[in-house]
């Protein structure tokens, strides 16, 4: 009986040198997904509060990302 092959790094991860190309992935989608998880954890039974929290998280996430990329400190 032969030994099973050890898993290789290449088997678990895509090691292409091409830029990341996955359809539907954008900063906005990441912000929406994170906002959903945040709002669902804090207000799972309130549709109105859930929507407000999700939208606020999304806007804050995108503004924070833009601020870090721009490096600006002005308001």
PDB file of N, CA and C in Angstrom:
ATOM      1  N   UNK A   1       0.850  -1.176   0.000  1.00  0.00           N
ATOM      2  CA  UNK A   1       0.000   0.000   0.000  1.00  0.00           C
ATOM      3  C   UNK A   1       0.895   1.240   0.000  1.00  0.00           C
ATOM      4  N   UNK A   2       0.628   2.181  -0.881  1.00  0.00           N
ATOM      5  CA  UNK A   2       1.488   3.349  -1.007  1.00  0.00           C
ATOM      6  C   UNK A   2       1.050   4.469  -0.066  1.00  0.00           C
ATOM      7  N   UNK A   3       2.000   5.321   0.247  1.00  0.00           N
ATOM      8  CA  UNK A   3       1.740   6.477   1.110  1.00  0.00           C
ATOM      9  C   UNK A   3       0.961   7.538   0.324  1.00  0.00           C
ATOM     10  N   UNK A   4       0.033   8.245   0.972  1.00  0.00           N
ATOM     11  CA  UNK A   4      -0.653   9.335   0.272  1.00  0.00           C
ATOM     12  C   UNK A   4       0.324  10.478  -0.004  1.00  0.00           C
ATOM     13  N   UNK A   5       0.108  11.156  -1.096  1.00  0.00           N
ATOM     14  CA  UNK A   5       0.970  12.289  -1.439  1.00  0.00           C
ATOM     15  C   UNK A   5       0.719  13.446  -0.488  1.00  0.00           C
ATOM     16  N   UNK A   6       1.801  14.115  -0.125  1.00  0.00           N
ATOM     17  CA  UNK A   6       1.684  15.320   0.693  1.00  0.00           C
ATOM     18  C   UNK A   6       1.037  16.416  -0.143  1.00  0.00           C
ATOM     19  N   UNK A   7       0.126  17.195   0.456  1.00  0.00           N
ATOM     20  CA  UNK A   7      -0.448  18.310  -0.309  1.00  0.00           C
ATOM     21  C   UNK A   7       0.628  19.358  -0.591  1.00  0.00           C
ATOM     22  N   UNK A   8       0.533  19.951  -1.747  1.00  0.00           N
ATOM     23  CA  UNK A   8       1.477  20.993  -2.132  1.00  0.00           C
ATOM     24  C   UNK A   8       0.789  22.351  -2.016  1.00  0.00           C
ATOM     25  N   UNK A   9       1.613  23.380  -1.809  1.00  0.00           N
ATOM     26  CA  UNK A   9       1.113  24.740  -1.717  1.00  0.00           C
ATOM     27  C   UNK A   9       0.282  25.092  -2.943  1.00  0.00           C
ATOM     28  N   UNK A  10       0.760  24.681  -4.105  1.00  0.00           N
ATOM     29  CA  UNK A  10       0.080  25.003  -5.356  1.00  0.00           C
ATOM     30  C   UNK A  10      -1.304  24.377  -5.441  1.00  0.00           C
ATOM     31  N   UNK A  11      -1.523  23.274  -4.707  1.00  0.00           N
ATOM     32  CA  UNK A  11      -2.827  22.621  -4.722  1.00  0.00           C
ATOM     33  C   UNK A  11      -3.878  23.430  -3.971  1.00  0.00           C
ATOM     34  N   UNK A  12      -3.455  24.153  -2.945  1.00  0.00           N
ATOM     35  CA  UNK A  12      -4.384  24.901  -2.107  1.00  0.00           C
ATOM     36  C   UNK A  12      -4.590  26.343  -2.551  1.00  0.00           C
ATOM     37  N   UNK A  13      -3.608  26.913  -3.217  1.00  0.00           N
ATOM     38  CA  UNK A  13      -3.671  28.326  -3.568  1.00  0.00           C
ATOM     39  C   UNK A  13      -3.416  28.510  -5.046  1.00  0.00           C
ATOM     40  N   UNK A  14      -4.067  29.507  -5.607  1.00  0.00           N
ATOM     41  CA  UNK A  14      -3.846  29.850  -7.003  1.00  0.00           C
ATOM     42  C   UNK A  14      -2.570  30.679  -7.072  1.00  0.00           C
ATOM     43  N   UNK A  15      -1.551  30.143  -7.673  1.00  0.00           N
ATOM     44  CA  UNK A  15      -0.246  30.797  -7.698  1.00  0.00           C
ATOM     45  C   UNK A  15       0.004  31.554  -8.989  1.00  0.00           C
ATOM     46  N   UNK A  16      -1.037  31.905  -9.694  1.00  0.00           N
ATOM     47  CA  UNK A  16      -0.855  32.668 -10.923  1.00  0.00           C
ATOM     48  C   UNK A  16      -0.271  34.028 -10.606  1.00  0.00           C
ATOM     49  N   UNK A  17       0.487  34.555 -11.536  1.00  0.00           N
ATOM     50  CA  UNK A  17       1.035  35.892 -11.372  1.00  0.00           C
ATOM     51  C   UNK A  17       0.136  36.941 -12.013  1.00  0.00           C
ATOM     52  N   UNK A  18      -0.951  36.500 -12.619  1.00  0.00           N
ATOM     53  CA  UNK A  18      -1.893  37.425 -13.234  1.00  0.00           C
ATOM     54  C   UNK A  18      -2.650  38.185 -12.148  1.00  0.00           C
ATOM     55  N   UNK A  19      -3.127  39.386 -12.456  1.00  0.00           N
ATOM     56  CA  UNK A  19      -3.923  40.128 -11.474  1.00  0.00           C
ATOM     57  C   UNK A  19      -5.167  39.358 -11.064  1.00  0.00           C
ATOM     58  N   UNK A  20      -5.641  39.670  -9.890  1.00  0.00           N
ATOM     59  CA  UNK A  20      -6.818  39.010  -9.349  1.00  0.00           C
ATOM     60  C   UNK A  20      -8.011  39.279 -10.256  1.00  0.00           C
ATOM     61  N   UNK A  21      -8.604  38.225 -10.754  1.00  0.00           N
ATOM     62  CA  UNK A  21      -9.739  38.360 -11.667  1.00  0.00           C
ATOM     63  C   UNK A  21     -10.853  37.432 -11.228  1.00  0.00           C
ATOM     64  N   UNK A  22     -11.697  37.924 -10.364  1.00  0.00           N
ATOM     65  CA  UNK A  22     -12.860  37.145  -9.967  1.00  0.00           C
ATOM     66  C   UNK A  22     -14.075  38.035 -10.164  1.00  0.00           C
ATOM     67  N   UNK A  23     -14.986  37.559 -10.941  1.00  0.00           N
ATOM     68  CA  UNK A  23     -16.148  38.363 -11.288  1.00  0.00           C
ATOM     69  C   UNK A  23     -16.975  38.666 -10.047  1.00  0.00           C
ATOM     70  N   UNK A  24     -17.408  39.899  -9.916  1.00  0.00           N
ATOM     71  CA  UNK A  24     -18.278  40.281  -8.828  1.00  0.00           C
ATOM     72  C   UNK A  24     -17.556  40.735  -7.571  1.00  0.00           C
ATOM     73  N   UNK A  25     -16.231  40.753  -7.572  1.00  0.00           N
ATOM     74  CA  UNK A  25     -15.492  41.192  -6.395  1.00  0.00           C
ATOM     75  C   UNK A  25     -15.081  42.644  -6.602  1.00  0.00           C
ATOM     76  N   UNK A  26     -15.528  43.492  -5.692  1.00  0.00           N
ATOM     77  CA  UNK A  26     -15.164  44.895  -5.731  1.00  0.00           C
ATOM     78  C   UNK A  26     -15.157  45.412  -4.297  1.00  0.00           C
ATOM     79  N   UNK A  27     -14.622  46.596  -4.115  1.00  0.00           N
ATOM     80  CA  UNK A  27     -14.636  47.181  -2.772  1.00  0.00           C
ATOM     81  C   UNK A  27     -16.064  47.368  -2.274  1.00  0.00           C
ATOM     82  N   UNK A  28     -16.947  47.769  -3.168  1.00  0.00           N
ATOM     83  CA  UNK A  28     -18.340  47.958  -2.769  1.00  0.00           C
ATOM     84  C   UNK A  28     -18.961  46.644  -2.301  1.00  0.00           C
ATOM     85  N   UNK A  29     -18.689  45.548  -3.007  1.00  0.00           N
ATOM     86  CA  UNK A  29     -19.231  44.250  -2.601  1.00  0.00           C
ATOM     87  C   UNK A  29     -18.663  43.792  -1.265  1.00  0.00           C
ATOM     88  N   UNK A  30     -17.373  44.038  -1.040  1.00  0.00           N
ATOM     89  CA  UNK A  30     -16.760  43.701   0.242  1.00  0.00           C
ATOM     90  C   UNK A  30     -17.405  44.520   1.354  1.00  0.00           C
ATOM     91  N   UNK A  31     -17.605  45.819   1.105  1.00  0.00           N
ATOM     92  CA  UNK A  31     -18.223  46.691   2.105  1.00  0.00           C
ATOM     93  C   UNK A  31     -19.656  46.251   2.411  1.00  0.00           C
ATOM     94  N   UNK A  32     -20.403  45.863   1.405  1.00  0.00           N
ATOM     95  CA  UNK A  32     -21.781  45.410   1.604  1.00  0.00           C
ATOM     96  C   UNK A  32     -21.804  44.120   2.414  1.00  0.00           C
ATOM     97  N   UNK A  33     -20.910  43.189   2.090  1.00  0.00           N
ATOM     98  CA  UNK A  33     -20.854  41.916   2.814  1.00  0.00           C
ATOM     99  C   UNK A  33     -20.484  42.133   4.269  1.00  0.00           C
ATOM    100  N   UNK A  34     -19.471  42.972   4.519  1.00  0.00           N
ATOM    101  CA  UNK A  34     -19.061  43.258   5.897  1.00  0.00           C
ATOM    102  C   UNK A  34     -20.162  44.017   6.640  1.00  0.00           C
ATOM    103  N   UNK A  35     -20.836  44.945   5.950  1.00  0.00           N
ATOM    104  CA  UNK A  35     -21.926  45.689   6.563  1.00  0.00           C
ATOM    105  C   UNK A  35     -23.089  44.783   6.934  1.00  0.00           C
ATOM    106  N   UNK A  36     -23.378  43.808   6.089  1.00  0.00           N
ATOM    107  CA  UNK A  36     -24.435  42.843   6.371  1.00  0.00           C
ATOM    108  C   UNK A  36     -24.107  42.056   7.639  1.00  0.00           C
ATOM    109  N   UNK A  37     -22.883  41.563   7.735  1.00  0.00           N
ATOM    110  CA  UNK A  37     -22.485  40.779   8.911  1.00  0.00           C
ATOM    111  C   UNK A  37     -22.541  41.630  10.177  1.00  0.00           C
ATOM    112  N   UNK A  38     -22.081  42.870  10.089  1.00  0.00           N
ATOM    113  CA  UNK A  38     -22.085  43.780  11.228  1.00  0.00           C
ATOM    114  C   UNK A  38     -23.513  44.069  11.692  1.00  0.00           C
ATOM    115  N   UNK A  39     -24.364  44.453  10.760  1.00  0.00           N
ATOM    116  CA  UNK A  39     -25.743  44.791  11.111  1.00  0.00           C
ATOM    117  C   UNK A  39     -26.517  43.569  11.584  1.00  0.00           C
ATOM    118  N   UNK A  40     -26.282  42.431  10.978  1.00  0.00           N
ATOM    119  CA  UNK A  40     -26.980  41.214  11.372  1.00  0.00           C
ATOM    120  C   UNK A  40     -26.595  40.796  12.789  1.00  0.00           C
ATOM    121  N   UNK A  41     -25.348  41.027  13.164  1.00  0.00           N
ATOM    122  CA  UNK A  41     -24.890  40.676  14.514  1.00  0.00           C
ATOM    123  C   UNK A  41     -25.485  41.609  15.570  1.00  0.00           C
ATOM    124  N   UNK A  42     -25.651  42.887  15.218  1.00  0.00           N
ATOM    125  CA  UNK A  42     -26.119  43.865  16.208  1.00  0.00           C
ATOM    126  C   UNK A  42     -27.621  44.115  16.191  1.00  0.00           C
ATOM    127  N   UNK A  43     -28.265  43.900  15.075  1.00  0.00           N
ATOM    128  CA  UNK A  43     -29.703  44.170  14.982  1.00  0.00           C
ATOM    129  C   UNK A  43     -30.392  43.107  14.142  1.00  0.00           C
ATOM    130  N   UNK A  44     -30.339  41.844  14.565  1.00  0.00           N
ATOM    131  CA  UNK A  44     -30.904  40.790  13.716  1.00  0.00           C
ATOM    132  C   UNK A  44     -32.423  40.818  13.595  1.00  0.00           C
ATOM    133  N   UNK A  45     -33.122  41.451  14.520  1.00  0.00           N
ATOM    134  CA  UNK A  45     -34.583  41.416  14.511  1.00  0.00           C
ATOM    135  C   UNK A  45     -35.232  42.736  14.115  1.00  0.00           C
ATOM    136  N   UNK A  46     -34.456  43.726  13.755  1.00  0.00           N
ATOM    137  CA  UNK A  46     -35.007  45.028  13.397  1.00  0.00           C
ATOM    138  C   UNK A  46     -34.607  45.372  11.965  1.00  0.00           C
ATOM    139  N   UNK A  47     -35.567  45.292  11.039  1.00  0.00           N
ATOM    140  CA  UNK A  47     -35.277  45.558   9.625  1.00  0.00           C
ATOM    141  C   UNK A  47     -34.837  47.004   9.401  1.00  0.00           C
ATOM    142  N   UNK A  48     -35.469  47.962  10.088  1.00  0.00           N
ATOM    143  CA  UNK A  48     -35.124  49.369   9.897  1.00  0.00           C
ATOM    144  C   UNK A  48     -33.728  49.651  10.436  1.00  0.00           C
ATOM    145  N   UNK A  49     -33.461  49.222  11.659  1.00  0.00           N
ATOM    146  CA  UNK A  49     -32.154  49.435  12.254  1.00  0.00           C
ATOM    147  C   UNK A  49     -31.080  48.677  11.476  1.00  0.00           C
ATOM    148  N   UNK A  50     -31.401  47.485  11.035  1.00  0.00           N
ATOM    149  CA  UNK A  50     -30.470  46.675  10.243  1.00  0.00           C
ATOM    150  C   UNK A  50     -30.047  47.432   8.984  1.00  0.00           C
ATOM    151  N   UNK A  51     -31.015  47.958   8.252  1.00  0.00           N
ATOM    152  CA  UNK A  51     -30.714  48.680   7.010  1.00  0.00           C
ATOM    153  C   UNK A  51     -29.858  49.906   7.244  1.00  0.00           C
ATOM    154  N   UNK A  52     -30.191  50.667   8.290  1.00  0.00           N
ATOM    155  CA  UNK A  52     -29.412  51.864   8.613  1.00  0.00           C
ATOM    156  C   UNK A  52     -27.984  51.505   8.996  1.00  0.00           C
ATOM    157  N   UNK A  53     -27.832  50.468   9.810  1.00  0.00           N
ATOM    158  CA  UNK A  53     -26.501  50.064  10.259  1.00  0.00           C
ATOM    159  C   UNK A  53     -25.667  49.526   9.091  1.00  0.00           C
ATOM    160  N   UNK A  54     -26.294  48.750   8.224  1.00  0.00           N
ATOM    161  CA  UNK A  54     -25.578  48.198   7.076  1.00  0.00           C
ATOM    162  C   UNK A  54     -25.093  49.310   6.157  1.00  0.00           C
ATOM    163  N   UNK A  55     -25.966  50.271   5.872  1.00  0.00           N
ATOM    164  CA  UNK A  55     -25.591  51.389   5.002  1.00  0.00           C
ATOM    165  C   UNK A  55     -24.504  52.254   5.635  1.00  0.00           C
ATOM    166  N   UNK A  56     -24.608  52.511   6.932  1.00  0.00           N
ATOM    167  CA  UNK A  56     -23.605  53.323   7.625  1.00  0.00           C
ATOM    168  C   UNK A  56     -22.251  52.621   7.616  1.00  0.00           C
ATOM    169  N   UNK A  57     -22.248  51.311   7.843  1.00  0.00           N
ATOM    170  CA  UNK A  57     -20.990  50.564   7.825  1.00  0.00           C
ATOM    171  C   UNK A  57     -20.357  50.622   6.436  1.00  0.00           C
ATOM    172  N   UNK A  58     -21.184  50.427   5.418  1.00  0.00           N
ATOM    173  CA  UNK A  58     -20.679  50.457   4.037  1.00  0.00           C
ATOM    174  C   UNK A  58     -20.055  51.809   3.714  1.00  0.00           C
ATOM    175  N   UNK A  59     -20.747  52.886   4.039  1.00  0.00           N
ATOM    176  CA  UNK A  59     -20.219  54.229   3.760  1.00  0.00           C
ATOM    177  C   UNK A  59     -18.936  54.495   4.534  1.00  0.00           C
ATOM    178  N   UNK A  60     -18.902  54.114   5.806  1.00  0.00           N
ATOM    179  CA  UNK A  60     -17.698  54.301   6.609  1.00  0.00           C
ATOM    180  C   UNK A  60     -16.530  53.489   6.079  1.00  0.00           C
ATOM    181  N   UNK A  61     -16.792  52.274   5.659  1.00  0.00           N
ATOM    182  CA  UNK A  61     -15.747  51.410   5.107  1.00  0.00           C
ATOM    183  C   UNK A  61     -15.147  52.040   3.854  1.00  0.00           C
ATOM    184  N   UNK A  62     -16.011  52.480   2.939  1.00  0.00           N
ATOM    185  CA  UNK A  62     -15.527  53.061   1.691  1.00  0.00           C
ATOM    186  C   UNK A  62     -14.815  54.395   1.915  1.00  0.00           C
ATOM    187  N   UNK A  63     -15.331  55.228   2.824  1.00  0.00           N
ATOM    188  CA  UNK A  63     -14.668  56.493   3.123  1.00  0.00           C
ATOM    189  C   UNK A  63     -13.318  56.269   3.794  1.00  0.00           C
ATOM    190  N   UNK A  64     -13.257  55.301   4.703  1.00  0.00           N
ATOM    191  CA  UNK A  64     -11.995  54.980   5.356  1.00  0.00           C
ATOM    192  C   UNK A  64     -10.970  54.464   4.363  1.00  0.00           C
ATOM    193  N   UNK A  65     -11.397  53.632   3.441  1.00  0.00           N
ATOM    194  CA  UNK A  65     -10.495  53.112   2.428  1.00  0.00           C
ATOM    195  C   UNK A  65      -9.990  54.241   1.534  1.00  0.00           C
ATOM    196  N   UNK A  66     -10.883  55.124   1.115  1.00  0.00           N
ATOM    197  CA  UNK A  66     -10.488  56.250   0.268  1.00  0.00           C
ATOM    198  C   UNK A  66      -9.516  57.161   1.003  1.00  0.00           C
ATOM    199  N   UNK A  67      -9.757  57.380   2.289  1.00  0.00           N
ATOM    200  CA  UNK A  67      -8.864  58.234   3.086  1.00  0.00           C
ATOM    201  C   UNK A  67      -7.468  57.623   3.155  1.00  0.00           C
ATOM    202  N   UNK A  68      -7.398  56.316   3.413  1.00  0.00           N
ATOM    203  CA  UNK A  68      -6.093  55.655   3.501  1.00  0.00           C
ATOM    204  C   UNK A  68      -5.367  55.665   2.152  1.00  0.00           C
ATOM    205  N   UNK A  69      -6.091  55.488   1.084  1.00  0.00           N
ATOM    206  CA  UNK A  69      -5.455  55.487  -0.229  1.00  0.00           C
ATOM    207  C   UNK A  69      -4.989  56.883  -0.615  1.00  0.00           C
ATOM    208  N   UNK A  70      -5.774  57.907  -0.243  1.00  0.00           N
ATOM    209  CA  UNK A  70      -5.417  59.284  -0.572  1.00  0.00           C
ATOM    210  C   UNK A  70      -4.412  59.876   0.382  1.00  0.00           C
ATOM    211  N   UNK A  71      -4.371  59.350   1.602  1.00  0.00           N
ATOM    212  CA  UNK A  71      -3.436  59.851   2.595  1.00  0.00           C
ATOM    213  C   UNK A  71      -3.778  61.235   3.114  1.00  0.00           C
ATOM    214  N   UNK A  72      -4.945  61.740   2.752  1.00  0.00           N
ATOM    215  CA  UNK A  72      -5.327  63.082   3.171  1.00  0.00           C
ATOM    216  C   UNK A  72      -5.736  63.140   4.628  1.00  0.00           C
ATOM    217  N   UNK A  73      -5.555  64.301   5.224  1.00  0.00           N
ATOM    218  CA  UNK A  73      -5.946  64.502   6.611  1.00  0.00           C
ATOM    219  C   UNK A  73      -6.962  65.632   6.758  1.00  0.00           C
ATOM    220  N   UNK A  74      -7.397  66.186   5.653  1.00  0.00           N
ATOM    221  CA  UNK A  74      -8.344  67.286   5.690  1.00  0.00           C
ATOM    222  C   UNK A  74      -9.776  66.789   5.782  1.00  0.00           C
ATOM    223  N   UNK A  75     -10.695  67.681   6.133  1.00  0.00           N
ATOM    224  CA  UNK A  75     -12.078  67.278   6.271  1.00  0.00           C
ATOM    225  C   UNK A  75     -12.866  67.866   5.220  1.00  0.00           C
TER     226      UNK A  75
END
